[in-house]
Amino acid sequence: MTTATSAAVPLGGSASFSALHSDVFQSHILARLDGPSLASLTCVSSQLHALSTEDHLWRNLCSSTWPSVNHPRVQQTVSTFPSGHRSFFSDSYPFPDPRPLKLDVDSSALPTELIFAVDVYYQNEIIYSKVEEIDTSSSWFLSSLFRVDVLDPKDSASSPVKCIGGGDGDETWVKHMEENLRLSWIVIDPVQKRAVNMSSRRAVSVQRHWLTGDVQVRFGTVVAGGERRGCAREWVECGVVVTCCGKEGGEMQMREVSMVMEDIEGKGLNGRESLVILGRVTGDGRRKEGKEKYDDFQQRKKQRKEENQRQEKLLDLACITIGVAGFLTFWSVVLFK
């Protein structure tokens, strides 16, 4: 302990770490740090930079943070990133930037393949991991509504979670899921060697389906979508939904884990539009996450819907007025002819 303390003194860069073996320093000190702390340490001195940028440190950090990263396909892809797992962690750890984007990407620049690394946690313990690869180059994908299911709707995934009942029933279970369920959804572009985590991590909305009784937990991220209809800050919601079911006291089942894209009017984006959004966010990290941002988006969506309804009513009234005026004009001509 005395040696470790004396070796920790030269953080200002005036002395060396020769008193403490680098392997001991990495395994007993650096390996205990979280990602942001380890990244900050790289800026202290050249010696600390060399020690704290070892790929095995970042590989272990990524694997413990996102178990899906252990998948062979993900490992192979991450190994091609500029700084390996350190680059992957930097891309996937959330640093939201709310600046607007422009939807002017040429089709040739769109990714032809995407990898989705998904992890679902309950009380910080992993209960489900899945890696999904999709070909995004087909005309069918580009023109169809964008939707990615990492859990087949026909199947279900069991978990050690027990459904909670009690006097308040639904309210207790919904609140419990909101507080304890977490999700990570990392989108990886293997060609550009970039990644981004599109999940809000914490749930932004938890509701019980009115027909099936399933609990739908939504992890929404709001993404700047560029100009539409003259609006310079048009937003798009990337919604990740986890649908859970189960009887009181029984085992919770996950029936659905999916991602969709919707604009502020509630219309789904097609594959090409979604690839543009994902490509820009992957490159720039420009998104808004959290319940407040999601609620703000929902409020804007509601206002847009009300505005469209008012315009439709005015248009209907104008059509009725024109029709009545035409009808009266016609009969006045007939009567006084």
Protein backbone atom coordinates (compact mmCIF):
# COMPACT_ATOMS: atom_id res chain seq x y z
CA MET A 1 0.00 0.00 0.00
CA THR A 2 2.92 2.34 0.74
CA THR A 3 4.39 1.72 -2.67
CA ALA A 4 1.05 2.32 -4.38
CA THR A 5 0.61 5.58 -2.51
CA SER A 6 4.05 6.87 -3.42
CA ALA A 7 3.46 5.91 -7.04
CA ALA A 8 0.16 7.77 -7.07
CA VAL A 9 1.88 11.04 -6.09
CA PRO A 10 3.46 11.83 -9.48
CA LEU A 11 0.09 12.40 -11.24
CA GLY A 12 1.33 15.90 -12.00
CA GLY A 13 3.88 14.38 -14.37
CA SER A 14 7.04 15.41 -12.45
CA ALA A 15 8.03 11.84 -11.54
CA SER A 16 7.64 8.34 -12.98
CA PHE A 17 5.69 5.22 -12.07
CA SER A 18 8.79 3.05 -11.97
CA ALA A 19 8.12 2.32 -8.29
CA LEU A 20 4.99 0.41 -9.31
CA HIS A 21 4.97 -2.23 -12.03
CA SER A 22 2.72 -1.27 -14.96
CA ASP A 23 0.84 -4.60 -14.82
CA VAL A 24 0.00 -4.05 -11.15
CA PHE A 25 -1.06 -0.46 -11.82
CA GLN A 26 -3.32 -1.52 -14.69
CA SER A 27 -4.90 -4.52 -13.00
CA HIS A 28 -5.43 -3.00 -9.54
CA ILE A 29 -6.09 0.66 -10.35
CA LEU A 30 -6.96 1.30 -13.98
CA ALA A 31 -9.16 -1.80 -14.27
CA ARG A 32 -11.37 -0.45 -11.45
CA LEU A 33 -12.15 2.82 -13.23
CA ASP A 34 -15.25 3.53 -15.28
CA GLY A 35 -15.04 4.71 -18.88
CA PRO A 36 -15.16 8.51 -18.36
CA SER A 37 -12.55 8.31 -15.57
CA LEU A 38 -10.24 6.16 -17.66
CA ALA A 39 -10.62 8.52 -20.62
CA SER A 40 -9.80 11.51 -18.42
CA LEU A 41 -6.66 9.80 -17.19
CA THR A 42 -5.27 9.62 -20.74
CA CYS A 43 -4.90 13.42 -20.69
CA VAL A 44 -2.80 13.62 -17.50
CA SER A 45 0.59 12.60 -18.84
CA SER A 46 2.20 10.67 -21.70
CA GLN A 47 3.01 7.79 -19.37
CA LEU A 48 -0.56 7.54 -18.08
CA HIS A 49 -1.83 7.87 -21.64
CA ALA A 50 0.22 4.86 -22.70
CA LEU A 51 -0.96 2.80 -19.73
CA SER A 52 -4.64 3.73 -19.93
CA THR A 53 -5.07 3.22 -23.67
CA GLU A 54 -4.23 -0.48 -23.65
CA ASP A 55 -6.95 -2.23 -25.64
CA HIS A 56 -7.48 -5.01 -23.10
CA LEU A 57 -8.63 -2.44 -20.50
CA TRP A 58 -11.24 -1.04 -22.87
CA ARG A 59 -12.24 -4.49 -24.10
CA ASN A 60 -13.00 -5.59 -20.54
CA LEU A 61 -14.83 -2.33 -19.90
CA CYS A 62 -16.98 -2.74 -23.03
CA SER A 63 -17.71 -6.40 -22.26
CA SER A 64 -18.79 -5.65 -18.71
CA THR A 65 -20.91 -2.67 -19.79
CA TRP A 66 -22.52 -4.33 -22.82
CA PRO A 67 -22.40 -8.17 -22.73
CA SER A 68 -23.53 -8.34 -26.38
CA VAL A 69 -20.11 -6.95 -27.36
CA ASN A 70 -18.68 -10.42 -26.60
CA HIS A 71 -20.39 -11.72 -29.75
CA PRO A 72 -17.70 -12.84 -32.28
CA ARG A 73 -19.13 -10.64 -35.07
CA VAL A 74 -19.07 -7.56 -32.86
CA GLN A 75 -15.56 -8.34 -31.60
CA GLN A 76 -14.31 -8.74 -35.15
CA THR A 77 -15.88 -5.43 -36.19
CA VAL A 78 -14.67 -3.50 -33.14
CA SER A 79 -11.12 -4.72 -33.75
CA THR A 80 -11.15 -2.70 -37.00
CA PHE A 81 -12.09 0.58 -35.27
CA PRO A 82 -9.30 3.22 -35.28
CA SER A 83 -8.49 2.70 -31.58
CA GLY A 84 -10.25 -0.61 -31.13
CA HIS A 85 -12.47 -0.91 -28.08
CA ARG A 86 -11.56 2.59 -26.89
CA SER A 87 -13.10 4.04 -30.06
CA PHE A 88 -16.12 1.81 -29.68
CA PHE A 89 -16.69 2.91 -26.08
CA SER A 90 -16.30 6.57 -27.04
CA ASP A 91 -18.92 6.17 -29.80
CA SER A 92 -21.37 4.12 -27.75
CA TYR A 93 -21.22 6.01 -24.48
CA PRO A 94 -23.87 8.76 -24.61
CA PHE A 95 -22.70 12.29 -25.31
CA PRO A 96 -25.85 13.85 -26.86
CA ASP A 97 -25.60 16.89 -29.14
CA PRO A 98 -28.92 18.60 -30.04
CA ARG A 99 -27.72 20.46 -33.15
CA PRO A 100 -29.93 19.97 -36.25
CA LEU A 101 -28.97 17.69 -39.13
CA LYS A 102 -29.68 17.96 -42.84
CA LEU A 103 -31.25 15.08 -44.72
CA ASP A 104 -29.10 15.48 -47.82
CA VAL A 105 -27.07 12.27 -47.81
CA ASP A 106 -26.56 10.63 -51.19
CA SER A 107 -27.82 7.05 -51.50
CA SER A 108 -24.32 5.80 -52.30
CA ALA A 109 -23.16 6.99 -48.86
CA LEU A 110 -25.77 5.01 -46.94
CA PRO A 111 -24.54 1.98 -44.97
CA THR A 112 -25.09 -1.33 -46.76
CA GLU A 113 -25.01 -3.31 -43.52
CA LEU A 114 -25.77 -2.59 -39.87
CA ILE A 115 -25.13 -4.55 -36.69
CA PHE A 116 -27.37 -4.10 -33.67
CA ALA A 117 -26.00 -5.05 -30.24
CA VAL A 118 -28.87 -5.09 -27.73
CA ASP A 119 -28.74 -5.64 -23.96
CA VAL A 120 -31.67 -5.57 -21.52
CA TYR A 121 -31.01 -5.19 -17.79
CA TYR A 122 -33.16 -5.67 -14.72
CA GLN A 123 -31.83 -4.08 -11.53
CA ASN A 124 -28.46 -3.73 -13.30
CA GLU A 125 -28.29 -7.46 -14.05
CA ILE A 126 -28.34 -8.63 -17.66
CA ILE A 127 -31.47 -10.62 -18.57
CA TYR A 128 -31.30 -10.58 -22.38
CA SER A 129 -28.61 -10.00 -25.03
CA LYS A 130 -28.89 -10.24 -28.79
CA VAL A 131 -26.81 -9.29 -31.83
CA GLU A 132 -28.68 -8.78 -35.09
CA GLU A 133 -27.17 -8.17 -38.53
CA ILE A 134 -29.25 -6.76 -41.39
CA ASP A 135 -28.58 -6.08 -45.06
CA THR A 136 -29.68 -2.51 -45.75
CA SER A 137 -28.83 -2.35 -49.47
CA SER A 138 -31.97 -3.97 -50.94
CA SER A 139 -34.63 -1.82 -52.58
CA TRP A 140 -37.25 -3.57 -50.43
CA PHE A 141 -35.56 -2.44 -47.22
CA LEU A 142 -35.02 1.13 -48.46
CA SER A 143 -38.66 1.61 -49.49
CA SER A 144 -40.39 -0.26 -46.63
CA LEU A 145 -41.24 1.10 -43.20
CA PHE A 146 -38.23 0.84 -40.92
CA ARG A 147 -38.62 -1.69 -38.15
CA VAL A 148 -36.01 -3.94 -36.52
CA ASP A 149 -37.07 -6.84 -34.29
CA VAL A 150 -34.29 -8.54 -32.34
CA LEU A 151 -36.87 -10.80 -30.73
CA ASP A 152 -39.19 -12.59 -33.13
CA PRO A 153 -42.80 -11.58 -32.36
CA LYS A 154 -43.75 -15.28 -32.54
CA ASP A 155 -41.27 -16.15 -29.80
CA SER A 156 -40.69 -14.93 -26.26
CA ALA A 157 -37.72 -14.71 -23.90
CA SER A 158 -38.04 -15.81 -20.31
CA SER A 159 -36.38 -13.96 -17.45
CA PRO A 160 -35.82 -14.45 -13.71
CA VAL A 161 -38.03 -11.43 -13.03
CA LYS A 162 -41.23 -12.09 -11.10
CA CYS A 163 -44.35 -10.11 -11.91
CA ILE A 164 -45.43 -7.95 -9.00
CA GLY A 165 -49.00 -7.79 -7.79
CA GLY A 166 -50.68 -6.22 -4.82
CA GLY A 167 -53.38 -3.79 -3.92
CA ASP A 168 -52.43 -1.24 -6.55
CA GLY A 169 -51.85 -3.96 -9.16
CA ASP A 170 -51.13 -2.35 -12.52
CA GLU A 171 -49.74 0.90 -11.11
CA THR A 172 -47.26 -0.92 -8.87
CA TRP A 173 -45.98 -3.16 -11.68
CA VAL A 174 -45.70 -0.32 -14.20
CA LYS A 175 -43.79 1.85 -11.75
CA HIS A 176 -41.52 -1.05 -10.85
CA MET A 177 -40.64 -1.68 -14.49
CA GLU A 178 -39.95 2.00 -15.09
CA GLU A 179 -37.47 2.09 -12.21
CA ASN A 180 -35.72 -1.25 -12.75
CA LEU A 181 -35.64 -2.06 -16.47
CA ARG A 182 -32.74 -0.65 -18.52
CA LEU A 183 -31.81 -1.08 -22.16
CA SER A 184 -28.84 -0.49 -24.45
CA TRP A 185 -29.23 -0.57 -28.25
CA ILE A 186 -25.94 0.04 -30.06
CA VAL A 187 -26.01 0.56 -33.82
CA ILE A 188 -22.72 -0.40 -35.48
CA ASP A 189 -21.66 0.57 -39.00
CA PRO A 190 -18.92 -1.97 -39.89
CA VAL A 191 -17.87 -0.10 -43.04
CA GLN A 192 -17.48 3.36 -41.51
CA LYS A 193 -16.18 1.76 -38.29
CA ARG A 194 -18.49 3.84 -36.10
CA ALA A 195 -21.16 3.10 -33.51
CA VAL A 196 -23.85 4.91 -31.54
CA ASN A 197 -26.13 3.93 -28.65
CA MET A 198 -29.69 4.83 -29.65
CA SER A 199 -31.35 3.92 -26.34
CA SER A 200 -32.31 6.39 -23.64
CA ARG A 201 -31.05 3.75 -21.13
CA ARG A 202 -33.87 4.65 -18.74
CA ALA A 203 -37.49 4.24 -19.77
CA VAL A 204 -39.22 7.38 -21.03
CA SER A 205 -42.68 5.79 -21.04
CA VAL A 206 -44.28 2.71 -19.47
CA GLN A 207 -47.86 1.78 -20.32
CA ARG A 208 -50.09 -1.26 -20.13
CA HIS A 209 -51.67 -2.20 -23.45
CA TRP A 210 -55.42 -1.69 -23.28
CA LEU A 211 -56.23 -4.93 -25.12
CA THR A 212 -53.56 -7.52 -24.29
CA GLY A 213 -52.60 -6.25 -20.85
CA ASP A 214 -48.89 -6.42 -21.77
CA VAL A 215 -46.58 -3.77 -20.33
CA GLN A 216 -44.84 -1.71 -23.01
CA VAL A 217 -41.60 -0.08 -21.86
CA ARG A 218 -40.34 2.58 -24.25
CA PHE A 219 -36.76 3.84 -24.48
CA GLY A 220 -36.96 6.82 -26.79
CA THR A 221 -34.22 8.98 -28.27
CA VAL A 222 -35.11 12.19 -30.12
CA VAL A 223 -32.95 12.84 -33.17
CA ALA A 224 -32.57 16.04 -35.18
CA GLY A 225 -33.94 15.30 -38.62
CA GLY A 226 -33.15 18.39 -40.71
CA GLU A 227 -35.51 20.67 -42.60
CA ARG A 228 -39.08 19.74 -43.43
CA ARG A 229 -41.86 22.08 -44.41
CA GLY A 230 -39.63 25.07 -43.75
CA CYS A 231 -38.93 24.06 -40.15
CA ALA A 232 -35.22 24.23 -39.36
CA ARG A 233 -35.39 21.91 -36.34
CA GLU A 234 -37.59 19.00 -37.30
CA TRP A 235 -37.19 16.12 -34.87
CA VAL A 236 -37.51 12.37 -35.31
CA GLU A 237 -38.08 9.82 -32.55
CA CYS A 238 -36.10 6.61 -32.54
CA GLY A 239 -38.30 4.46 -30.35
CA VAL A 240 -37.12 1.20 -28.79
CA VAL A 241 -39.98 -0.79 -27.27
CA VAL A 242 -39.76 -3.75 -24.88
CA THR A 243 -43.07 -5.57 -24.44
CA CYS A 244 -43.40 -7.70 -21.30
CA CYS A 245 -46.13 -10.02 -20.07
CA GLY A 246 -46.77 -12.43 -17.22
CA LYS A 247 -49.16 -13.35 -14.44
CA GLU A 248 -48.88 -12.10 -10.89
CA GLY A 249 -46.12 -13.94 -9.06
CA GLY A 250 -45.10 -15.73 -12.25
CA GLU A 251 -42.12 -15.35 -14.54
CA MET A 252 -41.97 -12.26 -16.73
CA GLN A 253 -41.76 -12.93 -20.47
CA MET A 254 -40.42 -10.51 -23.09
CA ARG A 255 -42.53 -10.73 -26.24
CA GLU A 256 -41.02 -7.89 -28.24
CA VAL A 257 -37.79 -5.90 -28.44
CA SER A 258 -37.96 -3.61 -31.47
CA MET A 259 -36.85 -0.29 -32.94
CA VAL A 260 -38.91 2.06 -35.11
CA MET A 261 -38.52 5.62 -36.45
CA GLU A 262 -41.35 8.18 -36.43
CA ASP A 263 -41.48 11.84 -37.39
CA ILE A 264 -43.18 14.56 -35.38
CA GLU A 265 -46.51 13.79 -37.09
CA GLY A 266 -46.36 10.18 -35.96
CA LYS A 267 -45.59 8.82 -39.44
CA GLY A 268 -43.12 5.99 -39.74
CA LEU A 269 -39.91 6.57 -41.70
CA ASN A 270 -38.87 4.17 -44.43
CA GLY A 271 -35.56 2.36 -44.57
CA ARG A 272 -33.70 4.99 -46.56
CA GLU A 273 -34.84 7.87 -44.36
CA SER A 274 -33.92 5.91 -41.24
CA LEU A 275 -30.48 5.05 -42.61
CA VAL A 276 -29.87 8.76 -43.23
CA ILE A 277 -30.75 9.51 -39.62
CA LEU A 278 -28.69 6.64 -38.21
CA GLY A 279 -25.75 7.45 -40.48
CA ARG A 280 -25.62 11.07 -39.36
CA VAL A 281 -26.09 10.25 -35.69
CA THR A 282 -23.43 7.54 -35.88
CA GLY A 283 -21.01 10.06 -37.31
CA ASP A 284 -21.91 13.06 -35.16
CA GLY A 285 -23.68 11.74 -32.06
CA ARG A 286 -26.42 14.36 -32.39
CA ARG A 287 -29.42 13.29 -30.38
CA LYS A 288 -31.47 14.14 -27.33
CA GLU A 289 -32.11 11.53 -24.70
CA GLY A 290 -34.05 11.40 -21.47
CA LYS A 291 -37.64 11.62 -20.35
CA GLU A 292 -37.79 15.43 -20.50
CA LYS A 293 -36.66 15.49 -24.14
CA TYR A 294 -39.09 12.69 -24.96
CA ASP A 295 -41.98 14.51 -23.25
CA ASP A 296 -41.07 17.69 -25.13
CA PHE A 297 -41.16 15.74 -28.39
CA GLN A 298 -44.55 14.26 -27.52
CA GLN A 299 -45.87 17.74 -26.74
CA ARG A 300 -44.63 19.02 -30.09
CA LYS A 301 -46.21 16.02 -31.79
CA LYS A 302 -49.53 16.79 -30.07
CA GLN A 303 -49.34 20.45 -31.12
CA ARG A 304 -48.58 19.45 -34.70
CA LYS A 305 -51.55 17.06 -34.72
CA GLU A 306 -53.87 19.76 -33.37
CA GLU A 307 -52.56 22.21 -35.96
CA ASN A 308 -53.19 19.72 -38.76
CA GLN A 309 -56.70 19.08 -37.44
CA ARG A 310 -57.44 22.82 -37.41
CA GLN A 311 -56.21 23.14 -40.98
CA GLU A 312 -58.34 20.19 -42.05
CA LYS A 313 -61.42 21.74 -40.41
CA LEU A 314 -60.75 25.06 -42.15
CA LEU A 315 -60.35 23.24 -45.44
CA ASP A 316 -63.58 21.31 -44.89
CA LEU A 317 -65.38 24.54 -44.00
CA ALA A 318 -64.03 26.23 -47.11
CA CYS A 319 -65.16 23.30 -49.27
CA ILE A 320 -68.64 23.35 -47.69
CA THR A 321 -68.89 27.11 -48.16
CA ILE A 322 -67.88 26.87 -51.80
CA GLY A 323 -70.30 24.00 -52.33
CA VAL A 324 -73.23 25.89 -50.75
CA ALA A 325 -72.37 29.04 -52.69
CA GLY A 326 -72.26 27.07 -55.93
CA PHE A 327 -75.56 25.37 -55.09
CA LEU A 328 -77.28 28.69 -54.35
CA THR A 329 -75.81 30.28 -57.47
CA PHE A 330 -77.07 27.41 -59.57
CA TRP A 331 -80.65 27.62 -58.24
CA SER A 332 -80.72 31.39 -58.42
CA VAL A 333 -79.86 31.14 -62.12
CA VAL A 334 -82.54 28.47 -62.62
CA LEU A 335 -85.27 30.40 -60.72
CA PHE A 336 -84.68 33.78 -62.35
CA LYS A 337 -84.00 32.52 -65.82
